[in-house]
C-alpha cells in the first residue's frame, strides 16, 4: 500500500499520541474526520498500523498486572529451573507476582 504525505502525517501523529480522535487528527492534516477515519482503517486493514497501546505506571496502577515471561535455559534440569525460579523472583518480585506452572512463585511488593 502506497502512503501519501497525509498518511505519513497521520502515522506520525498517532505514534506520538495514539489516543488522538479522528476530529483532532482531521484538524492537523486538513481532512474531514471521516476521511481520516477511512485512511486509518485502511492502514489497519493493510497491516501498517498494528494496534495502539496504553503505558501503565506500575506504581500507580490499581489493577493487577500479568506478565508472561518466555525464557530459554542453558541447562535443562530440575536444578536449573529451580535456580531460574529463585532468580526470577528476586529480579521481578519488586514489581509483579511471578507465576510458574499456574503456581505463584513470587509476590509483588507495594511501591509507596
C-alpha atoms as a PDB file:
ATOM      1  CA  UNK A   1       0.000   0.000   0.000  1.00  0.00           C
ATOM      2  CA  UNK A   2       1.422   3.364  -1.022  1.00  0.00           C
ATOM      3  CA  UNK A   3       1.253   6.111   1.582  1.00  0.00           C
ATOM      4  CA  UNK A   4       0.892   9.751   0.655  1.00  0.00           C
ATOM      5  CA  UNK A   5       2.065  12.728   2.707  1.00  0.00           C
ATOM      6  CA  UNK A   6      -1.180  12.876   4.697  1.00  0.00           C
ATOM      7  CA  UNK A   7      -0.994   9.163   5.549  1.00  0.00           C
ATOM      8  CA  UNK A   8       2.582   9.689   6.725  1.00  0.00           C
ATOM      9  CA  UNK A   9       1.490  12.692   8.828  1.00  0.00           C
ATOM     10  CA  UNK A  10      -1.371  10.674  10.367  1.00  0.00           C
ATOM     11  CA  UNK A  11       1.077   7.891  11.265  1.00  0.00           C
ATOM     12  CA  UNK A  12       3.491  10.378  12.823  1.00  0.00           C
ATOM     13  CA  UNK A  13       0.706  11.937  14.888  1.00  0.00           C
ATOM     14  CA  UNK A  14      -0.632   8.558  16.031  1.00  0.00           C
ATOM     15  CA  UNK A  15       2.842   7.397  17.007  1.00  0.00           C
ATOM     16  CA  UNK A  16       3.153  10.465  19.217  1.00  0.00           C
ATOM     17  CA  UNK A  17      -0.367  10.098  20.672  1.00  0.00           C
ATOM     18  CA  UNK A  18      -2.397   7.001  19.793  1.00  0.00           C
ATOM     19  CA  UNK A  19      -5.411   8.461  21.626  1.00  0.00           C
ATOM     20  CA  UNK A  20      -5.980  11.335  19.195  1.00  0.00           C
ATOM     21  CA  UNK A  21      -9.566  11.431  17.938  1.00  0.00           C
ATOM     22  CA  UNK A  22     -10.356  11.428  14.228  1.00  0.00           C
ATOM     23  CA  UNK A  23     -11.559  15.001  14.706  1.00  0.00           C
ATOM     24  CA  UNK A  24      -8.255  16.106  16.248  1.00  0.00           C
ATOM     25  CA  UNK A  25      -6.309  14.317  13.514  1.00  0.00           C
ATOM     26  CA  UNK A  26      -8.501  15.885  10.831  1.00  0.00           C
ATOM     27  CA  UNK A  27      -7.637  19.396  12.019  1.00  0.00           C
ATOM     28  CA  UNK A  28      -3.913  18.609  11.891  1.00  0.00           C
ATOM     29  CA  UNK A  29      -3.931  17.096   8.373  1.00  0.00           C
ATOM     30  CA  UNK A  30      -6.622  19.283   6.782  1.00  0.00           C
ATOM     31  CA  UNK A  31      -9.068  16.481   6.002  1.00  0.00           C
ATOM     32  CA  UNK A  32     -12.538  15.664   7.276  1.00  0.00           C
ATOM     33  CA  UNK A  33     -12.809  13.358  10.272  1.00  0.00           C
ATOM     34  CA  UNK A  34     -14.490  10.706   8.093  1.00  0.00           C
ATOM     35  CA  UNK A  35     -11.627  10.872   5.552  1.00  0.00           C
ATOM     36  CA  UNK A  36      -9.099  10.430   8.369  1.00  0.00           C
ATOM     37  CA  UNK A  37     -11.098   7.506   9.742  1.00  0.00           C
ATOM     38  CA  UNK A  38     -11.120   5.806   6.315  1.00  0.00           C
ATOM     39  CA  UNK A  39      -7.363   6.294   5.990  1.00  0.00           C
ATOM     40  CA  UNK A  40      -6.670   4.917   9.471  1.00  0.00           C
ATOM     41  CA  UNK A  41      -8.960   1.931   8.889  1.00  0.00           C
ATOM     42  CA  UNK A  42      -7.228   1.280   5.536  1.00  0.00           C
ATOM     43  CA  UNK A  43      -3.822   1.333   7.249  1.00  0.00           C
ATOM     44  CA  UNK A  44      -5.098  -1.048   9.932  1.00  0.00           C
ATOM     45  CA  UNK A  45      -6.547  -3.435   7.331  1.00  0.00           C
ATOM     46  CA  UNK A  46      -3.302  -3.409   5.341  1.00  0.00           C
ATOM     47  CA  UNK A  47      -1.184  -4.139   8.430  1.00  0.00           C
ATOM     48  CA  UNK A  48       0.632  -0.798   8.569  1.00  0.00           C
ATOM     49  CA  UNK A  49      -0.993   0.102  11.887  1.00  0.00           C
ATOM     50  CA  UNK A  50      -0.698  -2.927  14.148  1.00  0.00           C
ATOM     51  CA  UNK A  51      -2.521  -1.500  17.151  1.00  0.00           C
ATOM     52  CA  UNK A  52      -2.411   1.063  19.906  1.00  0.00           C
ATOM     53  CA  UNK A  53      -1.239   0.598  23.457  1.00  0.00           C
ATOM     54  CA  UNK A  54      -1.580   2.093  26.870  1.00  0.00           C
ATOM     55  CA  UNK A  55       1.525   2.533  29.002  1.00  0.00           C
ATOM     56  CA  UNK A  56       0.632   1.840  32.611  1.00  0.00           C
ATOM     57  CA  UNK A  57       2.512   3.130  35.630  1.00  0.00           C
ATOM     58  CA  UNK A  58       3.234   0.115  37.791  1.00  0.00           C
ATOM     59  CA  UNK A  59       3.367   2.318  40.868  1.00  0.00           C
ATOM     60  CA  UNK A  60       0.008   3.982  40.218  1.00  0.00           C
ATOM     61  CA  UNK A  61      -1.975   1.084  38.731  1.00  0.00           C
ATOM     62  CA  UNK A  62      -4.758  -0.188  40.963  1.00  0.00           C
ATOM     63  CA  UNK A  63      -5.347  -3.397  38.976  1.00  0.00           C
ATOM     64  CA  UNK A  64      -3.006  -6.405  38.994  1.00  0.00           C
ATOM     65  CA  UNK A  65      -0.610  -6.656  36.077  1.00  0.00           C
ATOM     66  CA  UNK A  66       0.146 -10.027  34.473  1.00  0.00           C
ATOM     67  CA  UNK A  67       3.354 -10.587  32.547  1.00  0.00           C
ATOM     68  CA  UNK A  68       4.181 -13.706  30.594  1.00  0.00           C
ATOM     69  CA  UNK A  69       7.887 -14.453  30.513  1.00  0.00           C
ATOM     70  CA  UNK A  70       9.452 -16.821  27.997  1.00  0.00           C
ATOM     71  CA  UNK A  71      12.975 -17.901  28.815  1.00  0.00           C
ATOM     72  CA  UNK A  72      15.360 -20.466  27.412  1.00  0.00           C
ATOM     73  CA  UNK A  73      17.661 -22.031  29.969  1.00  0.00           C
ATOM     74  CA  UNK A  74      21.181 -23.078  29.020  1.00  0.00           C
ATOM     75  CA  UNK A  75      20.756 -26.273  31.025  1.00  0.00           C
ATOM     76  CA  UNK A  76      17.605 -28.410  31.042  1.00  0.00           C
ATOM     77  CA  UNK A  77      17.405 -29.817  34.545  1.00  0.00           C
ATOM     78  CA  UNK A  78      15.280 -29.529  37.643  1.00  0.00           C
ATOM     79  CA  UNK A  79      18.134 -27.764  39.440  1.00  0.00           C
ATOM     80  CA  UNK A  80      18.495 -25.183  36.651  1.00  0.00           C
ATOM     81  CA  UNK A  81      14.753 -24.491  36.711  1.00  0.00           C
ATOM     82  CA  UNK A  82      14.865 -24.093  40.487  1.00  0.00           C
ATOM     83  CA  UNK A  83      17.787 -21.634  40.234  1.00  0.00           C
ATOM     84  CA  UNK A  84      15.985 -19.704  37.494  1.00  0.00           C
ATOM     85  CA  UNK A  85      12.760 -19.528  39.509  1.00  0.00           C
ATOM     86  CA  UNK A  86      14.636 -18.204  42.534  1.00  0.00           C
ATOM     87  CA  UNK A  87      16.497 -15.600  40.454  1.00  0.00           C
ATOM     88  CA  UNK A  88      13.349 -14.560  38.563  1.00  0.00           C
ATOM     89  CA  UNK A  89      11.529 -13.943  41.829  1.00  0.00           C
ATOM     90  CA  UNK A  90      14.379 -11.747  43.042  1.00  0.00           C
ATOM     91  CA  UNK A  91      14.571  -9.832  39.761  1.00  0.00           C
ATOM     92  CA  UNK A  92      10.845  -9.352  39.203  1.00  0.00           C
ATOM     93  CA  UNK A  93       9.236  -9.534  42.632  1.00  0.00           C
ATOM     94  CA  UNK A  94       9.632  -5.828  43.463  1.00  0.00           C
ATOM     95  CA  UNK A  95       7.058  -5.124  40.774  1.00  0.00           C
ATOM     96  CA  UNK A  96       4.998  -8.216  39.926  1.00  0.00           C
ATOM     97  CA  UNK A  97       3.567 -11.527  41.001  1.00  0.00           C
ATOM     98  CA  UNK A  98       5.607 -14.273  39.353  1.00  0.00           C
ATOM     99  CA  UNK A  99       3.661 -17.340  38.263  1.00  0.00           C
ATOM    100  CA  UNK A 100       5.211 -20.595  37.080  1.00  0.00           C
ATOM    101  CA  UNK A 101       3.078 -23.592  36.034  1.00  0.00           C
ATOM    102  CA  UNK A 102      -0.034 -21.821  37.385  1.00  0.00           C
ATOM    103  CA  UNK A 103       1.559 -21.555  40.831  1.00  0.00           C
ATOM    104  CA  UNK A 104       2.641 -18.269  42.362  1.00  0.00           C
ATOM    105  CA  UNK A 105       6.383 -18.357  42.940  1.00  0.00           C
ATOM    106  CA  UNK A 106       6.809 -14.726  43.927  1.00  0.00           C
ATOM    107  CA  UNK A 107       4.780 -11.761  45.143  1.00  0.00           C
ATOM    108  CA  UNK A 108       4.937  -8.081  44.266  1.00  0.00           C
ATOM    109  CA  UNK A 109       5.972  -5.515  46.823  1.00  0.00           C
ATOM    110  CA  UNK A 110       3.942  -2.327  47.120  1.00  0.00           C
ATOM    111  CA  UNK A 111       5.795   0.702  45.868  1.00  0.00           C
ATOM    112  CA  UNK A 112       4.588   3.585  48.042  1.00  0.00           C
END
